[in-house]
C-alpha cells in the first residue's frame, strides 16, 4: 500500500500512501541518519 522513494539531489524522501485505512491514523515522523 505504501511506497517510499527518494530524491538524493534534494535530500528528500517521499512516502506515497495508498488504500489508506483508519488504522493508519497517527502522527508520522520523518527520521534520518545524517553525518554533518
ModelCIF file with pLDDT and N, C-alpha, C, O atoms, coordinates in Angstrom:
data_MODEL
#
_entry.id   MODEL 
#
_entity.id                         1 
_entity.type                       polymer 
_entity.pdbx_number_of_molecules   1 
#
_entity_poly.entity_id                      1 
_entity_poly.type                           'polypeptide(L)' 
_entity_poly.nstd_linkage                   no 
_entity_poly.nstd_monomer                   no 
_entity_poly.pdbx_seq_one_letter_code       
;(UNK)(UNK)(UNK)(UNK)(UNK)(UNK)(UNK)(UNK)(UNK)(UNK)(UNK)(UNK)(UNK)(UNK)(UNK)(UNK)
(UNK)(UNK)(UNK)(UNK)(UNK)(UNK)(UNK)(UNK)(UNK)(UNK)(UNK)(UNK)(UNK)(UNK)(UNK)(UNK)
(UNK)(UNK)(UNK)(UNK)
;
_entity_poly.pdbx_seq_one_letter_code_can   XXXXXXXXXXXXXXXXXXXXXXXXXXXXXXXXXXXX 
_entity_poly.pdbx_strand_id                 A 
#
loop_
_entity_poly_seq.entity_id 
_entity_poly_seq.num 
_entity_poly_seq.mon_id 
_entity_poly_seq.hetero 
1 1  UNK n 
1 2  UNK n 
1 3  UNK n 
1 4  UNK n 
1 5  UNK n 
1 6  UNK n 
1 7  UNK n 
1 8  UNK n 
1 9  UNK n 
1 10 UNK n 
1 11 UNK n 
1 12 UNK n 
1 13 UNK n 
1 14 UNK n 
1 15 UNK n 
1 16 UNK n 
1 17 UNK n 
1 18 UNK n 
1 19 UNK n 
1 20 UNK n 
1 21 UNK n 
1 22 UNK n 
1 23 UNK n 
1 24 UNK n 
1 25 UNK n 
1 26 UNK n 
1 27 UNK n 
1 28 UNK n 
1 29 UNK n 
1 30 UNK n 
1 31 UNK n 
1 32 UNK n 
1 33 UNK n 
1 34 UNK n 
1 35 UNK n 
1 36 UNK n 
#
_struct_asym.id          A 
_struct_asym.entity_id   1 
#
loop_
_ma_qa_metric.id 
_ma_qa_metric.mode 
_ma_qa_metric.name 
_ma_qa_metric.software_group_id 
_ma_qa_metric.type 
1 global pLDDT . pLDDT 
2 local  pLDDT . pLDDT 
#
_ma_qa_metric_global.metric_id      1 
_ma_qa_metric_global.metric_value   97.00 
_ma_qa_metric_global.model_id       1 
_ma_qa_metric_global.ordinal_id     1 
#
loop_
_ma_qa_metric_local.label_asym_id 
_ma_qa_metric_local.label_comp_id 
_ma_qa_metric_local.label_seq_id 
_ma_qa_metric_local.metric_id 
_ma_qa_metric_local.metric_value 
_ma_qa_metric_local.model_id 
_ma_qa_metric_local.ordinal_id 
A UNK 1  2 98.00 1 1  
A UNK 2  2 98.00 1 2  
A UNK 3  2 98.00 1 3  
A UNK 4  2 98.00 1 4  
A UNK 5  2 97.00 1 5  
A UNK 6  2 96.00 1 6  
A UNK 7  2 94.00 1 7  
A UNK 8  2 90.00 1 8  
A UNK 9  2 91.00 1 9  
A UNK 10 2 94.00 1 10 
A UNK 11 2 96.00 1 11 
A UNK 12 2 97.00 1 12 
A UNK 13 2 97.00 1 13 
A UNK 14 2 98.00 1 14 
A UNK 15 2 98.00 1 15 
A UNK 16 2 98.00 1 16 
A UNK 17 2 98.00 1 17 
A UNK 18 2 98.00 1 18 
A UNK 19 2 98.00 1 19 
A UNK 20 2 98.00 1 20 
A UNK 21 2 98.00 1 21 
A UNK 22 2 98.00 1 22 
A UNK 23 2 97.00 1 23 
A UNK 24 2 98.00 1 24 
A UNK 25 2 98.00 1 25 
A UNK 26 2 98.00 1 26 
A UNK 27 2 98.00 1 27 
A UNK 28 2 98.00 1 28 
A UNK 29 2 98.00 1 29 
A UNK 30 2 98.00 1 30 
A UNK 31 2 98.00 1 31 
A UNK 32 2 98.00 1 32 
A UNK 33 2 97.00 1 33 
A UNK 34 2 97.00 1 34 
A UNK 35 2 97.00 1 35 
A UNK 36 2 96.00 1 36 
#
loop_
_atom_site.group_PDB 
_atom_site.id 
_atom_site.type_symbol 
_atom_site.label_atom_id 
_atom_site.label_alt_id 
_atom_site.label_comp_id 
_atom_site.label_asym_id 
_atom_site.label_entity_id 
_atom_site.label_seq_id 
_atom_site.pdbx_PDB_ins_code 
_atom_site.Cartn_x 
_atom_site.Cartn_y 
_atom_site.Cartn_z 
_atom_site.occupancy 
_atom_site.B_iso_or_equiv 
_atom_site.pdbx_formal_charge 
_atom_site.auth_seq_id 
_atom_site.auth_comp_id 
_atom_site.auth_asym_id 
_atom_site.auth_atom_id 
_atom_site.pdbx_PDB_model_num 
ATOM 1   N N  . UNK A 1 1  ? 0.808  -1.215 0.000  1.00 98.00 ? 1  UNK A N  1 
ATOM 2   C CA . UNK A 1 1  ? 0.000  0.000  0.000  1.00 98.00 ? 1  UNK A CA 1 
ATOM 3   C C  . UNK A 1 1  ? 0.848  1.274  0.000  1.00 98.00 ? 1  UNK A C  1 
ATOM 4   O O  . UNK A 1 1  ? 0.485  2.271  -0.625 1.00 98.00 ? 1  UNK A O  1 
ATOM 5   N N  . UNK A 1 2  ? 1.971  1.230  0.702  1.00 98.00 ? 2  UNK A N  1 
ATOM 6   C CA . UNK A 1 2  ? 2.846  2.392  0.813  1.00 98.00 ? 2  UNK A CA 1 
ATOM 7   C C  . UNK A 1 2  ? 4.108  2.170  -0.008 1.00 98.00 ? 2  UNK A C  1 
ATOM 8   O O  . UNK A 1 2  ? 4.583  1.043  -0.147 1.00 98.00 ? 2  UNK A O  1 
ATOM 9   N N  . UNK A 1 3  ? 4.633  3.239  -0.540 1.00 98.00 ? 3  UNK A N  1 
ATOM 10  C CA . UNK A 1 3  ? 5.880  3.188  -1.283 1.00 98.00 ? 3  UNK A CA 1 
ATOM 11  C C  . UNK A 1 3  ? 6.776  4.331  -0.848 1.00 98.00 ? 3  UNK A C  1 
ATOM 12  O O  . UNK A 1 3  ? 6.366  5.492  -0.858 1.00 98.00 ? 3  UNK A O  1 
ATOM 13  N N  . UNK A 1 4  ? 7.996  4.000  -0.468 1.00 98.00 ? 4  UNK A N  1 
ATOM 14  C CA . UNK A 1 4  ? 8.955  5.026  -0.097 1.00 98.00 ? 4  UNK A CA 1 
ATOM 15  C C  . UNK A 1 4  ? 9.920  5.241  -1.257 1.00 98.00 ? 4  UNK A C  1 
ATOM 16  O O  . UNK A 1 4  ? 10.322 4.290  -1.927 1.00 98.00 ? 4  UNK A O  1 
ATOM 17  N N  . UNK A 1 5  ? 10.280 6.467  -1.480 1.00 97.00 ? 5  UNK A N  1 
ATOM 18  C CA . UNK A 1 5  ? 11.210 6.814  -2.537 1.00 97.00 ? 5  UNK A CA 1 
ATOM 19  C C  . UNK A 1 5  ? 12.041 8.008  -2.095 1.00 97.00 ? 5  UNK A C  1 
ATOM 20  O O  . UNK A 1 5  ? 11.782 8.610  -1.053 1.00 97.00 ? 5  UNK A O  1 
ATOM 21  N N  . UNK A 1 6  ? 13.026 8.337  -2.889 1.00 96.00 ? 6  UNK A N  1 
ATOM 22  C CA . UNK A 1 6  ? 13.910 9.433  -2.509 1.00 96.00 ? 6  UNK A CA 1 
ATOM 23  C C  . UNK A 1 6  ? 14.369 10.205 -3.727 1.00 96.00 ? 6  UNK A C  1 
ATOM 24  O O  . UNK A 1 6  ? 14.364 9.695  -4.847 1.00 96.00 ? 6  UNK A O  1 
ATOM 25  N N  . UNK A 1 7  ? 14.760 11.420 -3.493 1.00 94.00 ? 7  UNK A N  1 
ATOM 26  C CA . UNK A 1 7  ? 15.427 12.246 -4.475 1.00 94.00 ? 7  UNK A CA 1 
ATOM 27  C C  . UNK A 1 7  ? 16.704 12.727 -3.802 1.00 94.00 ? 7  UNK A C  1 
ATOM 28  O O  . UNK A 1 7  ? 16.687 13.691 -3.036 1.00 94.00 ? 7  UNK A O  1 
ATOM 29  N N  . UNK A 1 8  ? 17.801 12.056 -4.090 1.00 90.00 ? 8  UNK A N  1 
ATOM 30  C CA . UNK A 1 8  ? 19.048 12.357 -3.409 1.00 90.00 ? 8  UNK A CA 1 
ATOM 31  C C  . UNK A 1 8  ? 19.569 13.758 -3.725 1.00 90.00 ? 8  UNK A C  1 
ATOM 32  O O  . UNK A 1 8  ? 20.264 14.365 -2.910 1.00 90.00 ? 8  UNK A O  1 
ATOM 33  N N  . UNK A 1 9  ? 19.236 14.262 -4.897 1.00 91.00 ? 9  UNK A N  1 
ATOM 34  C CA . UNK A 1 9  ? 19.700 15.597 -5.249 1.00 91.00 ? 9  UNK A CA 1 
ATOM 35  C C  . UNK A 1 9  ? 19.049 16.664 -4.392 1.00 91.00 ? 9  UNK A C  1 
ATOM 36  O O  . UNK A 1 9  ? 19.584 17.764 -4.252 1.00 91.00 ? 9  UNK A O  1 
ATOM 37  N N  . UNK A 1 10 ? 17.902 16.348 -3.820 1.00 94.00 ? 10 UNK A N  1 
ATOM 38  C CA . UNK A 1 10 ? 17.180 17.288 -2.975 1.00 94.00 ? 10 UNK A CA 1 
ATOM 39  C C  . UNK A 1 10 ? 17.174 16.876 -1.511 1.00 94.00 ? 10 UNK A C  1 
ATOM 40  O O  . UNK A 1 10 ? 16.544 17.535 -0.684 1.00 94.00 ? 10 UNK A O  1 
ATOM 41  N N  . UNK A 1 11 ? 17.871 15.790 -1.184 1.00 96.00 ? 11 UNK A N  1 
ATOM 42  C CA . UNK A 1 11 ? 17.870 15.252 0.188  1.00 96.00 ? 11 UNK A CA 1 
ATOM 43  C C  . UNK A 1 11 ? 16.445 15.089 0.702  1.00 96.00 ? 11 UNK A C  1 
ATOM 44  O O  . UNK A 1 11 ? 16.128 15.455 1.834  1.00 96.00 ? 11 UNK A O  1 
ATOM 45  N N  . UNK A 1 12 ? 15.607 14.540 -0.143 1.00 97.00 ? 12 UNK A N  1 
ATOM 46  C CA . UNK A 1 12 ? 14.190 14.433 0.158  1.00 97.00 ? 12 UNK A CA 1 
ATOM 47  C C  . UNK A 1 12 ? 13.715 12.993 0.050  1.00 97.00 ? 12 UNK A C  1 
ATOM 48  O O  . UNK A 1 12 ? 14.105 12.263 -0.862 1.00 97.00 ? 12 UNK A O  1 
ATOM 49  N N  . UNK A 1 13 ? 12.881 12.598 0.979  1.00 97.00 ? 13 UNK A N  1 
ATOM 50  C CA . UNK A 1 13 ? 12.256 11.290 0.960  1.00 97.00 ? 13 UNK A CA 1 
ATOM 51  C C  . UNK A 1 13 ? 10.752 11.478 0.886  1.00 97.00 ? 13 UNK A C  1 
ATOM 52  O O  . UNK A 1 13 ? 10.199 12.413 1.464  1.00 97.00 ? 13 UNK A O  1 
ATOM 53  N N  . UNK A 1 14 ? 10.098 10.575 0.166  1.00 98.00 ? 14 UNK A N  1 
ATOM 54  C CA . UNK A 1 14 ? 8.656  10.625 -0.011 1.00 98.00 ? 14 UNK A CA 1 
ATOM 55  C C  . UNK A 1 14 ? 8.032  9.324  0.475  1.00 98.00 ? 14 UNK A C  1 
ATOM 56  O O  . UNK A 1 14 ? 8.643  8.258  0.399  1.00 98.00 ? 14 UNK A O  1 
ATOM 57  N N  . UNK A 1 15 ? 6.830  9.429  0.963  1.00 98.00 ? 15 UNK A N  1 
ATOM 58  C CA . UNK A 1 15 ? 6.053  8.252  1.309  1.00 98.00 ? 15 UNK A CA 1 
ATOM 59  C C  . UNK A 1 15 ? 4.696  8.367  0.634  1.00 98.00 ? 15 UNK A C  1 
ATOM 60  O O  . UNK A 1 15 ? 3.849  9.157  1.052  1.00 98.00 ? 15 UNK A O  1 
ATOM 61  N N  . UNK A 1 16 ? 4.496  7.579  -0.409 1.00 98.00 ? 16 UNK A N  1 
ATOM 62  C CA . UNK A 1 16 ? 3.222  7.524  -1.091 1.00 98.00 ? 16 UNK A CA 1 
ATOM 63  C C  . UNK A 1 16 ? 2.346  6.511  -0.373 1.00 98.00 ? 16 UNK A C  1 
ATOM 64  O O  . UNK A 1 16 ? 2.685  5.330  -0.296 1.00 98.00 ? 16 UNK A O  1 
ATOM 65  N N  . UNK A 1 17 ? 1.228  6.971  0.147  1.00 98.00 ? 17 UNK A N  1 
ATOM 66  C CA . UNK A 1 17 ? 0.339  6.132  0.930  1.00 98.00 ? 17 UNK A CA 1 
ATOM 67  C C  . UNK A 1 17 ? -0.969 5.968  0.173  1.00 98.00 ? 17 UNK A C  1 
ATOM 68  O O  . UNK A 1 17 ? -1.715 6.929  -0.016 1.00 98.00 ? 17 UNK A O  1 
ATOM 69  N N  . UNK A 1 18 ? -1.237 4.753  -0.256 1.00 98.00 ? 18 UNK A N  1 
ATOM 70  C CA . UNK A 1 18 ? -2.449 4.435  -0.986 1.00 98.00 ? 18 UNK A CA 1 
ATOM 71  C C  . UNK A 1 18 ? -3.314 3.481  -0.168 1.00 98.00 ? 18 UNK A C  1 
ATOM 72  O O  . UNK A 1 18 ? -2.847 2.854  0.783  1.00 98.00 ? 18 UNK A O  1 
ATOM 73  N N  . UNK A 1 19 ? -4.565 3.388  -0.554 1.00 98.00 ? 19 UNK A N  1 
ATOM 74  C CA . UNK A 1 19 ? -5.505 2.485  0.116  1.00 98.00 ? 19 UNK A CA 1 
ATOM 75  C C  . UNK A 1 19 ? -5.463 2.666  1.621  1.00 98.00 ? 19 UNK A C  1 
ATOM 76  O O  . UNK A 1 19 ? -5.378 1.696  2.375  1.00 98.00 ? 19 UNK A O  1 
ATOM 77  N N  . UNK A 1 20 ? -5.521 3.900  2.045  1.00 98.00 ? 20 UNK A N  1 
ATOM 78  C CA . UNK A 1 20 ? -5.389 4.202  3.465  1.00 98.00 ? 20 UNK A CA 1 
ATOM 79  C C  . UNK A 1 20 ? -6.543 3.620  4.268  1.00 98.00 ? 20 UNK A C  1 
ATOM 80  O O  . UNK A 1 20 ? -7.687 3.569  3.815  1.00 98.00 ? 20 UNK A O  1 
ATOM 81  N N  . UNK A 1 21 ? -6.207 3.188  5.463  1.00 98.00 ? 21 UNK A N  1 
ATOM 82  C CA . UNK A 1 21 ? -7.160 2.600  6.390  1.00 98.00 ? 21 UNK A CA 1 
ATOM 83  C C  . UNK A 1 21 ? -7.228 3.436  7.653  1.00 98.00 ? 21 UNK A C  1 
ATOM 84  O O  . UNK A 1 21 ? -6.272 4.144  7.972  1.00 98.00 ? 21 UNK A O  1 
ATOM 85  N N  . UNK A 1 22 ? -8.334 3.371  8.381  1.00 98.00 ? 22 UNK A N  1 
ATOM 86  C CA . UNK A 1 22 ? -8.390 4.083  9.661  1.00 98.00 ? 22 UNK A CA 1 
ATOM 87  C C  . UNK A 1 22 ? -7.248 3.715  10.601 1.00 98.00 ? 22 UNK A C  1 
ATOM 88  O O  . UNK A 1 22 ? -6.811 4.548  11.396 1.00 98.00 ? 22 UNK A O  1 
ATOM 89  N N  . UNK A 1 23 ? -6.763 2.489  10.522 1.00 97.00 ? 23 UNK A N  1 
ATOM 90  C CA . UNK A 1 23 ? -5.657 2.056  11.359 1.00 97.00 ? 23 UNK A CA 1 
ATOM 91  C C  . UNK A 1 23 ? -4.354 2.782  11.047 1.00 97.00 ? 23 UNK A C  1 
ATOM 92  O O  . UNK A 1 23 ? -3.408 2.723  11.833 1.00 97.00 ? 23 UNK A O  1 
ATOM 93  N N  . UNK A 1 24 ? -4.296 3.461  9.916  1.00 98.00 ? 24 UNK A N  1 
ATOM 94  C CA . UNK A 1 24 ? -3.113 4.234  9.568  1.00 98.00 ? 24 UNK A CA 1 
ATOM 95  C C  . UNK A 1 24 ? -3.083 5.590  10.253 1.00 98.00 ? 24 UNK A C  1 
ATOM 96  O O  . UNK A 1 24 ? -2.085 6.306  10.168 1.00 98.00 ? 24 UNK A O  1 
ATOM 97  N N  . UNK A 1 25 ? -4.156 5.945  10.925 1.00 98.00 ? 25 UNK A N  1 
ATOM 98  C CA . UNK A 1 25 ? -4.219 7.234  11.610 1.00 98.00 ? 25 UNK A CA 1 
ATOM 99  C C  . UNK A 1 25 ? -3.132 7.317  12.671 1.00 98.00 ? 25 UNK A C  1 
ATOM 100 O O  . UNK A 1 25 ? -3.046 6.460  13.551 1.00 98.00 ? 25 UNK A O  1 
ATOM 101 N N  . UNK A 1 26 ? -2.310 8.345  12.585 1.00 98.00 ? 26 UNK A N  1 
ATOM 102 C CA . UNK A 1 26 ? -1.198 8.515  13.507 1.00 98.00 ? 26 UNK A CA 1 
ATOM 103 C C  . UNK A 1 26 ? -0.481 9.806  13.169 1.00 98.00 ? 26 UNK A C  1 
ATOM 104 O O  . UNK A 1 26 ? -0.750 10.439 12.148 1.00 98.00 ? 26 UNK A O  1 
ATOM 105 N N  . UNK A 1 27 ? 0.430  10.180 14.041 1.00 98.00 ? 27 UNK A N  1 
ATOM 106 C CA . UNK A 1 27 ? 1.383  11.219 13.711 1.00 98.00 ? 27 UNK A CA 1 
ATOM 107 C C  . UNK A 1 27 ? 2.567  10.541 13.040 1.00 98.00 ? 27 UNK A C  1 
ATOM 108 O O  . UNK A 1 27 ? 3.144  9.600  13.584 1.00 98.00 ? 27 UNK A O  1 
ATOM 109 N N  . UNK A 1 28 ? 2.919  11.014 11.876 1.00 98.00 ? 28 UNK A N  1 
ATOM 110 C CA . UNK A 1 28 ? 4.013  10.441 11.112 1.00 98.00 ? 28 UNK A CA 1 
ATOM 111 C C  . UNK A 1 28 ? 5.244  11.331 11.258 1.00 98.00 ? 28 UNK A C  1 
ATOM 112 O O  . UNK A 1 28 ? 5.183  12.544 11.058 1.00 98.00 ? 28 UNK A O  1 
ATOM 113 N N  . UNK A 1 29 ? 6.352  10.705 11.608 1.00 98.00 ? 29 UNK A N  1 
ATOM 114 C CA . UNK A 1 29 ? 7.593  11.417 11.855 1.00 98.00 ? 29 UNK A CA 1 
ATOM 115 C C  . UNK A 1 29 ? 8.652  11.013 10.843 1.00 98.00 ? 29 UNK A C  1 
ATOM 116 O O  . UNK A 1 29 ? 8.926  9.828  10.649 1.00 98.00 ? 29 UNK A O  1 
ATOM 117 N N  . UNK A 1 30 ? 9.227  11.990 10.215 1.00 98.00 ? 30 UNK A N  1 
ATOM 118 C CA . UNK A 1 30 ? 10.384 11.733 9.370  1.00 98.00 ? 30 UNK A CA 1 
ATOM 119 C C  . UNK A 1 30 ? 11.597 11.459 10.254 1.00 98.00 ? 30 UNK A C  1 
ATOM 120 O O  . UNK A 1 30 ? 11.755 12.065 11.314 1.00 98.00 ? 30 UNK A O  1 
ATOM 121 N N  . UNK A 1 31 ? 12.438 10.555 9.814  1.00 98.00 ? 31 UNK A N  1 
ATOM 122 C CA . UNK A 1 31 ? 13.628 10.181 10.567 1.00 98.00 ? 31 UNK A CA 1 
ATOM 123 C C  . UNK A 1 31 ? 14.779 9.972  9.605  1.00 98.00 ? 31 UNK A C  1 
ATOM 124 O O  . UNK A 1 31 ? 14.600 9.445  8.507  1.00 98.00 ? 31 UNK A O  1 
ATOM 125 N N  . UNK A 1 32 ? 15.959 10.389 10.024 1.00 98.00 ? 32 UNK A N  1 
ATOM 126 C CA . UNK A 1 32 ? 17.120 10.235 9.163  1.00 98.00 ? 32 UNK A CA 1 
ATOM 127 C C  . UNK A 1 32 ? 18.384 10.081 9.984  1.00 98.00 ? 32 UNK A C  1 
ATOM 128 O O  . UNK A 1 32 ? 18.511 10.642 11.072 1.00 98.00 ? 32 UNK A O  1 
ATOM 129 N N  . UNK A 1 33 ? 19.315 9.312  9.446  1.00 97.00 ? 33 UNK A N  1 
ATOM 130 C CA . UNK A 1 33 ? 20.659 9.228  9.996  1.00 97.00 ? 33 UNK A CA 1 
ATOM 131 C C  . UNK A 1 33 ? 21.565 10.051 9.098  1.00 97.00 ? 33 UNK A C  1 
ATOM 132 O O  . UNK A 1 33 ? 21.734 9.750  7.916  1.00 97.00 ? 33 UNK A O  1 
ATOM 133 N N  . UNK A 1 34 ? 22.136 11.084 9.670  1.00 97.00 ? 34 UNK A N  1 
ATOM 134 C CA . UNK A 1 34 ? 22.868 12.075 8.899  1.00 97.00 ? 34 UNK A CA 1 
ATOM 135 C C  . UNK A 1 34 ? 24.229 12.337 9.530  1.00 97.00 ? 34 UNK A C  1 
ATOM 136 O O  . UNK A 1 34 ? 24.343 12.486 10.746 1.00 97.00 ? 34 UNK A O  1 
ATOM 137 N N  . UNK A 1 35 ? 25.252 12.390 8.694  1.00 97.00 ? 35 UNK A N  1 
ATOM 138 C CA . UNK A 1 35 ? 26.567 12.822 9.128  1.00 97.00 ? 35 UNK A CA 1 
ATOM 139 C C  . UNK A 1 35 ? 26.732 14.286 8.751  1.00 97.00 ? 35 UNK A C  1 
ATOM 140 O O  . UNK A 1 35 ? 26.617 14.648 7.580  1.00 97.00 ? 35 UNK A O  1 
ATOM 141 N N  . UNK A 1 36 ? 26.997 15.107 9.722  1.00 96.00 ? 36 UNK A N  1 
ATOM 142 C CA . UNK A 1 36 ? 27.207 16.525 9.477  1.00 96.00 ? 36 UNK A CA 1 
ATOM 143 C C  . UNK A 1 36 ? 28.599 16.782 8.919  1.00 96.00 ? 36 UNK A C  1 
ATOM 144 O O  . UNK A 1 36 ? 28.954 17.930 8.651  1.00 96.00 ? 36 UNK A O  1 
#
